Amino acid sequence: MREAIYVFSGQGAQAVGMGKDLVEASSAAAIVLEKADRVLGWSVRDVCFEGPVEKLTSSKYCQPAIYTMSAACLAAFNERYDDIRPVAVGGLSLGELTALCAAGVFEFESGLKLVAKRGELMDEACRATSGSMASVLGASVDIVKEICGECDIDVANYNSPGQIVISGEKSRVADAVKMLKERGIRKVIPLRVAGAFHSRLMADAAAEFAETLKEVELKRPAVPVTQNVTGGFVEDVEEIRVNLAKQVSSSVLWEDCVRAMVERTEATKLVEFGPGEVLTRLVRRTVAHVSTHNINSAENLRSFE
């Protein structure tokens, strides 16, 4: 039995048409989408394949769509490569819920209901606040944290060495962008997002999501799983529950998660499931010696080996 680390895409990786050829080529993937349509009462297939892009970008639709498509990619992979097993799993932001599903913490359908509620709550928080985010490239962590403190905003993501995302009230993020550039940081890129994810502006959404999570049965992970809030492995079910709620308004320690998975397992192969290649690029910047692969289309499923 061969081994690999499995990671799962987060919000922002979506694209109209994502996974269409994979679902057409894999009966296992198609079954996942059929389940999702029954649970949600709207067609994930239509939103993923036809959009429009404005609908697919909304957290209410985007989060269930990416969760479902990532699970479909995993199902297609398992159908074709039954001699490979995960030795650790993790996901970026939304992708953490897909990772927990893959680790057996909850069934696909239960996870999908959680994701749908999470997306709705985050959409509500976006409408109730005026937030934005920006990606900071090539800056030291200390400088970014210092300026975030001065501007009263938050660090949303520690993605990889040299890539940090900041988040908060729109005018304050604009101030931080200006200050970072004045400090010689050339690449500070405002992001096209609906609000200030992983910041204090999501506090109400995090609190309401915590209430939702109280009603959900969680199981101990069957595969070691990392969580964004701690940047490391978590086994205790109640800690997993608390961290899932905190994650909505807390920093995503993705670089730490990647390092933890590689160091604990000594794995040399990592597979990203879901649309895009965001995690693959981040992993390459963090642990260059690990072989990375994407599973998000029929072509790269076939060319995995």
Protein backbone atom coordinates (compact mmCIF):
# COMPACT_ATOMS: atom_id res chain seq x y z
CA MET A 1 0.00 0.00 0.00
CA ARG A 2 1.42 3.36 -1.06
CA GLU A 3 1.08 6.48 1.09
CA ALA A 4 0.55 10.22 0.55
CA ILE A 5 -0.60 13.39 2.28
CA TYR A 6 -4.02 14.58 1.11
CA VAL A 7 -4.94 18.30 1.13
CA PHE A 8 -8.15 20.04 0.11
CA SER A 9 -8.85 23.34 -1.64
CA GLY A 10 -10.30 26.43 0.03
CA GLN A 11 -12.57 29.23 -1.11
CA GLY A 12 -11.10 31.26 -3.93
CA ALA A 13 -10.11 28.24 -6.01
CA GLN A 14 -13.51 28.04 -7.73
CA ALA A 15 -14.03 28.45 -11.46
CA VAL A 16 -17.10 27.95 -13.64
CA GLY A 17 -16.85 24.51 -15.26
CA MET A 18 -14.74 23.05 -12.45
CA GLY A 19 -14.66 19.28 -12.40
CA LYS A 20 -17.08 18.80 -15.31
CA ASP A 21 -14.92 16.37 -17.28
CA LEU A 22 -13.99 14.48 -14.11
CA VAL A 23 -17.62 13.96 -13.12
CA GLU A 24 -18.47 12.84 -16.65
CA ALA A 25 -15.61 10.31 -16.54
CA SER A 26 -16.13 8.95 -13.00
CA SER A 27 -19.28 7.31 -11.69
CA ALA A 28 -17.97 7.70 -8.12
CA ALA A 29 -17.61 11.47 -8.59
CA ALA A 30 -21.07 11.72 -10.17
CA ILE A 31 -22.63 9.98 -7.15
CA VAL A 32 -21.12 12.61 -4.83
CA LEU A 33 -22.78 15.42 -6.79
CA GLU A 34 -26.10 13.58 -6.77
CA LYS A 35 -25.91 13.29 -2.98
CA ALA A 36 -25.14 17.00 -2.68
CA ASP A 37 -28.12 18.01 -4.82
CA ARG A 38 -30.45 15.94 -2.61
CA VAL A 39 -29.07 17.41 0.62
CA LEU A 40 -29.06 21.05 -0.47
CA GLY A 41 -32.20 21.24 -2.57
CA TRP A 42 -30.39 23.12 -5.33
CA SER A 43 -28.15 21.86 -8.11
CA VAL A 44 -24.47 21.91 -7.21
CA ARG A 45 -23.82 20.49 -10.66
CA ASP A 46 -25.44 23.50 -12.36
CA VAL A 47 -23.60 26.05 -10.20
CA CYS A 48 -20.23 24.33 -10.69
CA PHE A 49 -20.59 23.73 -14.41
CA GLU A 50 -22.66 26.71 -15.56
CA GLY A 51 -22.28 29.42 -12.91
CA PRO A 52 -22.81 32.29 -13.39
CA VAL A 53 -19.52 33.37 -11.85
CA GLU A 54 -21.26 35.86 -9.52
CA LYS A 55 -23.30 33.05 -7.99
CA LEU A 56 -20.34 30.69 -7.72
CA THR A 57 -18.35 33.43 -5.95
CA SER A 58 -20.97 33.95 -3.23
CA SER A 59 -20.00 32.05 -0.05
CA LYS A 60 -23.51 30.61 0.20
CA TYR A 61 -22.98 28.70 -3.05
CA CYS A 62 -19.21 28.68 -3.35
CA GLN A 63 -18.45 26.84 -0.13
CA PRO A 64 -20.83 23.88 -0.70
CA ALA A 65 -19.71 23.73 -4.34
CA ILE A 66 -15.99 23.50 -3.51
CA TYR A 67 -16.59 21.04 -0.66
CA THR A 68 -18.64 18.83 -2.95
CA MET A 69 -16.26 19.05 -5.88
CA SER A 70 -13.25 18.29 -3.67
CA ALA A 71 -15.04 15.24 -2.27
CA ALA A 72 -15.92 14.18 -5.81
CA CYS A 73 -12.26 14.46 -6.84
CA LEU A 74 -11.29 12.24 -3.90
CA ALA A 75 -14.00 9.71 -4.79
CA ALA A 76 -12.76 9.53 -8.39
CA PHE A 77 -9.19 9.09 -7.17
CA ASN A 78 -10.13 6.30 -4.76
CA GLU A 79 -12.07 4.60 -7.53
CA ARG A 80 -9.01 4.53 -9.79
CA TYR A 81 -6.15 4.18 -7.29
CA ASP A 82 -7.23 1.85 -4.51
CA ASP A 83 -3.64 1.06 -3.54
CA ILE A 84 -2.93 4.54 -2.12
CA ARG A 85 -3.92 5.66 1.37
CA PRO A 86 -3.60 8.98 3.22
CA VAL A 87 -1.17 9.19 6.13
CA ALA A 88 -2.28 12.74 7.01
CA VAL A 89 -4.94 15.17 5.78
CA GLY A 90 -5.44 18.91 5.93
CA GLY A 91 -7.26 21.72 4.19
CA LEU A 92 -7.02 25.47 3.80
CA SER A 93 -9.91 27.27 5.52
CA LEU A 94 -13.05 25.73 3.98
CA GLY A 95 -10.88 22.80 2.86
CA GLU A 96 -10.42 21.81 6.49
CA LEU A 97 -14.00 20.56 6.54
CA THR A 98 -13.34 18.37 3.50
CA ALA A 99 -10.22 17.05 5.23
CA LEU A 100 -12.24 16.19 8.33
CA CYS A 101 -14.75 14.35 6.14
CA ALA A 102 -11.90 12.43 4.50
CA ALA A 103 -10.61 11.56 7.98
CA GLY A 104 -13.99 10.12 8.98
CA VAL A 105 -14.87 12.81 11.52
CA PHE A 106 -18.30 13.16 9.90
CA GLU A 107 -20.12 11.74 6.87
CA PHE A 108 -20.21 13.67 3.60
CA GLU A 109 -23.84 14.71 4.02
CA SER A 110 -23.36 16.01 7.58
CA GLY A 111 -20.29 17.93 6.50
CA LEU A 112 -22.15 19.44 3.57
CA LYS A 113 -24.89 20.77 5.85
CA LEU A 114 -22.20 22.32 8.05
CA VAL A 115 -20.50 23.90 5.05
CA ALA A 116 -23.80 25.31 3.77
CA LYS A 117 -24.51 26.91 7.15
CA ARG A 118 -20.94 28.25 7.36
CA GLY A 119 -21.28 29.85 3.94
CA GLU A 120 -24.60 31.47 4.82
CA LEU A 121 -23.24 32.89 8.08
CA MET A 122 -20.14 34.28 6.41
CA ASP A 123 -22.24 35.87 3.66
CA GLU A 124 -24.35 37.55 6.35
CA ALA A 125 -21.22 38.82 8.11
CA CYS A 126 -19.92 40.23 4.81
CA ARG A 127 -23.15 42.13 4.24
CA ALA A 128 -23.16 43.47 7.81
CA THR A 129 -19.59 44.81 7.65
CA SER A 130 -17.31 46.63 5.23
CA GLY A 131 -14.25 44.45 4.99
CA SER A 132 -11.47 43.61 2.58
CA MET A 133 -8.27 41.59 2.35
CA ALA A 134 -4.83 41.92 0.77
CA SER A 135 -2.01 39.51 -0.02
CA VAL A 136 1.44 40.53 1.16
CA LEU A 137 4.40 38.95 -0.65
CA GLY A 138 8.01 38.99 0.45
CA ALA A 139 7.54 40.68 3.83
CA SER A 140 8.71 39.44 7.21
CA VAL A 141 6.07 38.20 9.62
CA ASP A 142 7.17 40.74 12.22
CA ILE A 143 6.66 43.72 9.90
CA VAL A 144 3.21 42.51 8.80
CA LYS A 145 2.09 41.89 12.38
CA GLU A 146 3.42 45.29 13.47
CA ILE A 147 1.50 47.15 10.78
CA CYS A 148 -1.66 45.11 11.34
CA GLY A 149 -1.48 46.12 14.99
CA GLU A 150 -1.04 49.79 14.11
CA CYS A 151 -3.99 49.66 11.70
CA ASP A 152 -6.17 47.55 14.01
CA ILE A 153 -6.66 44.72 11.51
CA ASP A 154 -5.78 41.01 11.51
CA VAL A 155 -3.47 38.54 9.83
CA ALA A 156 -5.86 36.17 8.07
CA ASN A 157 -3.47 33.62 6.55
CA TYR A 158 0.10 32.50 7.02
CA ASN A 159 0.14 30.62 3.71
CA SER A 160 3.80 29.93 2.98
CA PRO A 161 7.20 31.54 3.48
CA GLY A 162 6.82 35.04 2.08
CA GLN A 163 3.04 34.94 1.57
CA ILE A 164 0.74 36.43 4.21
CA VAL A 165 -2.84 37.68 3.87
CA ILE A 166 -4.23 40.57 5.93
CA SER A 167 -7.91 41.21 6.65
CA GLY A 168 -10.15 43.77 8.28
CA GLU A 169 -12.20 46.92 7.87
CA LYS A 170 -11.78 48.20 4.31
CA SER A 171 -10.30 51.63 5.01
CA ARG A 172 -7.90 50.19 7.58
CA VAL A 173 -6.69 47.52 5.17
CA ALA A 174 -6.08 50.31 2.64
CA ASP A 175 -4.02 52.13 5.28
CA ALA A 176 -2.02 48.97 5.94
CA VAL A 177 -1.37 48.45 2.23
CA LYS A 178 -0.03 52.00 2.00
CA MET A 179 2.17 51.58 5.08
CA LEU A 180 3.59 48.27 3.86
CA LYS A 181 4.56 49.84 0.55
CA GLU A 182 6.17 52.72 2.39
CA ARG A 183 8.24 50.14 4.28
CA GLY A 184 9.58 48.81 0.98
CA ILE A 185 7.21 45.87 0.47
CA ARG A 186 6.61 46.00 -3.27
CA LYS A 187 3.98 43.31 -3.71
CA VAL A 188 0.89 44.07 -1.68
CA ILE A 189 -2.14 42.99 -3.68
CA PRO A 190 -5.75 43.86 -2.71
CA LEU A 191 -7.93 40.77 -3.11
CA ARG A 192 -11.33 40.64 -4.80
CA VAL A 193 -13.35 39.19 -1.94
CA ALA A 194 -16.77 39.82 -0.47
CA GLY A 195 -15.49 40.65 3.02
CA ALA A 196 -12.84 40.27 5.68
CA PHE A 197 -12.57 36.52 6.13
CA HIS A 198 -10.56 35.17 9.09
CA SER A 199 -10.74 38.47 10.94
CA ARG A 200 -12.62 39.96 13.89
CA LEU A 201 -15.33 41.07 11.43
CA MET A 202 -16.35 37.39 11.23
CA ALA A 203 -16.79 37.08 15.01
CA ASP A 204 -20.59 36.90 14.88
CA ALA A 205 -20.46 34.23 12.18
CA ALA A 206 -17.96 32.23 14.27
CA ALA A 207 -20.20 32.43 17.34
CA GLU A 208 -23.29 31.29 15.43
CA PHE A 209 -21.34 28.51 13.73
CA ALA A 210 -20.24 27.30 17.18
CA GLU A 211 -23.91 26.89 18.10
CA THR A 212 -24.55 24.89 14.93
CA LEU A 213 -21.58 22.63 15.64
CA LYS A 214 -22.98 21.72 19.07
CA GLU A 215 -25.74 19.77 17.34
CA VAL A 216 -23.43 17.71 15.11
CA GLU A 217 -21.98 14.32 16.00
CA LEU A 218 -18.24 14.15 15.41
CA LYS A 219 -16.04 11.05 15.50
CA ARG A 220 -12.38 10.67 16.37
CA PRO A 221 -10.28 11.02 13.18
CA ALA A 222 -9.38 7.73 11.50
CA VAL A 223 -6.51 9.54 9.74
CA PRO A 224 -4.28 12.17 11.41
CA VAL A 225 -5.75 15.59 10.60
CA THR A 226 -4.41 19.13 11.02
CA GLN A 227 -6.45 22.20 11.90
CA ASN A 228 -5.79 25.75 10.78
CA VAL A 229 -6.24 27.36 14.21
CA THR A 230 -3.46 25.33 15.86
CA GLY A 231 -1.28 24.65 12.82
CA GLY A 232 -0.88 21.06 14.00
CA PHE A 233 -2.62 17.74 14.52
CA VAL A 234 -5.77 17.50 16.63
CA GLU A 235 -7.36 14.25 17.81
CA ASP A 236 -9.81 15.25 20.55
CA VAL A 237 -13.34 15.54 19.18
CA GLU A 238 -14.34 18.50 21.33
CA GLU A 239 -11.17 20.37 20.46
CA ILE A 240 -11.92 19.78 16.78
CA ARG A 241 -15.41 21.22 17.31
CA VAL A 242 -14.10 24.35 19.07
CA ASN A 243 -11.37 24.90 16.48
CA LEU A 244 -13.81 24.65 13.57
CA ALA A 245 -15.81 27.55 14.97
CA LYS A 246 -12.74 29.62 15.88
CA GLN A 247 -11.30 29.18 12.41
CA VAL A 248 -13.96 31.43 10.84
CA SER A 249 -12.54 34.51 12.58
CA SER A 250 -8.98 33.37 13.37
CA SER A 251 -5.69 33.23 11.48
CA VAL A 252 -5.14 30.25 9.18
CA LEU A 253 -1.76 28.70 10.04
CA TRP A 254 -1.43 26.83 6.77
CA GLU A 255 2.36 26.90 6.55
CA ASP A 256 2.51 25.28 10.01
CA CYS A 257 -0.04 22.64 8.94
CA VAL A 258 2.02 21.70 5.90
CA ARG A 259 5.23 21.41 7.88
CA ALA A 260 3.50 19.35 10.58
CA MET A 261 2.11 16.86 8.05
CA VAL A 262 5.44 16.41 6.27
CA GLU A 263 7.52 16.18 9.45
CA ARG A 264 5.22 13.68 11.20
CA THR A 265 4.74 11.36 8.26
CA GLU A 266 8.01 11.87 6.38
CA ALA A 267 5.86 11.57 3.26
CA THR A 268 7.39 12.51 -0.08
CA LYS A 269 4.11 12.71 -2.03
CA LEU A 270 1.23 15.17 -1.51
CA VAL A 271 -2.04 15.22 -3.45
CA GLU A 272 -4.35 18.24 -3.67
CA PHE A 273 -8.04 17.52 -4.27
CA GLY A 274 -10.35 20.21 -5.59
CA PRO A 275 -10.35 23.07 -8.07
CA GLY A 276 -7.24 25.08 -8.84
CA GLU A 277 -3.63 24.63 -7.81
CA VAL A 278 -3.36 27.08 -4.91
CA LEU A 279 -2.28 24.57 -2.29
CA THR A 280 0.18 22.87 -4.61
CA ARG A 281 1.99 26.17 -5.18
CA LEU A 282 2.02 26.98 -1.47
CA VAL A 283 3.38 23.54 -0.60
CA ARG A 284 6.17 23.87 -3.14
CA ARG A 285 7.26 27.12 -1.50
CA THR A 286 7.15 25.53 1.95
CA VAL A 287 8.59 22.01 1.49
CA ALA A 288 10.23 21.89 -1.92
CA HIS A 289 11.36 18.27 -1.62
CA VAL A 290 7.80 16.90 -1.57
CA SER A 291 6.30 15.70 -4.87
CA THR A 292 2.94 17.42 -5.49
CA HIS A 293 -0.02 16.39 -7.62
CA ASN A 294 -3.45 17.88 -8.40
CA ILE A 295 -6.64 15.91 -8.85
CA ASN A 296 -9.27 18.21 -10.36
CA SER A 297 -9.84 16.95 -13.90
CA ALA A 298 -10.11 13.70 -15.84
CA GLU A 299 -6.77 14.45 -17.48
CA ASN A 300 -4.72 14.85 -14.32
CA LEU A 301 -6.52 11.90 -12.74
CA ARG A 302 -5.30 9.74 -15.64
CA SER A 303 -1.80 11.26 -15.59
CA PHE A 304 -1.30 10.90 -11.83
CA GLU A 305 1.38 8.30 -12.50
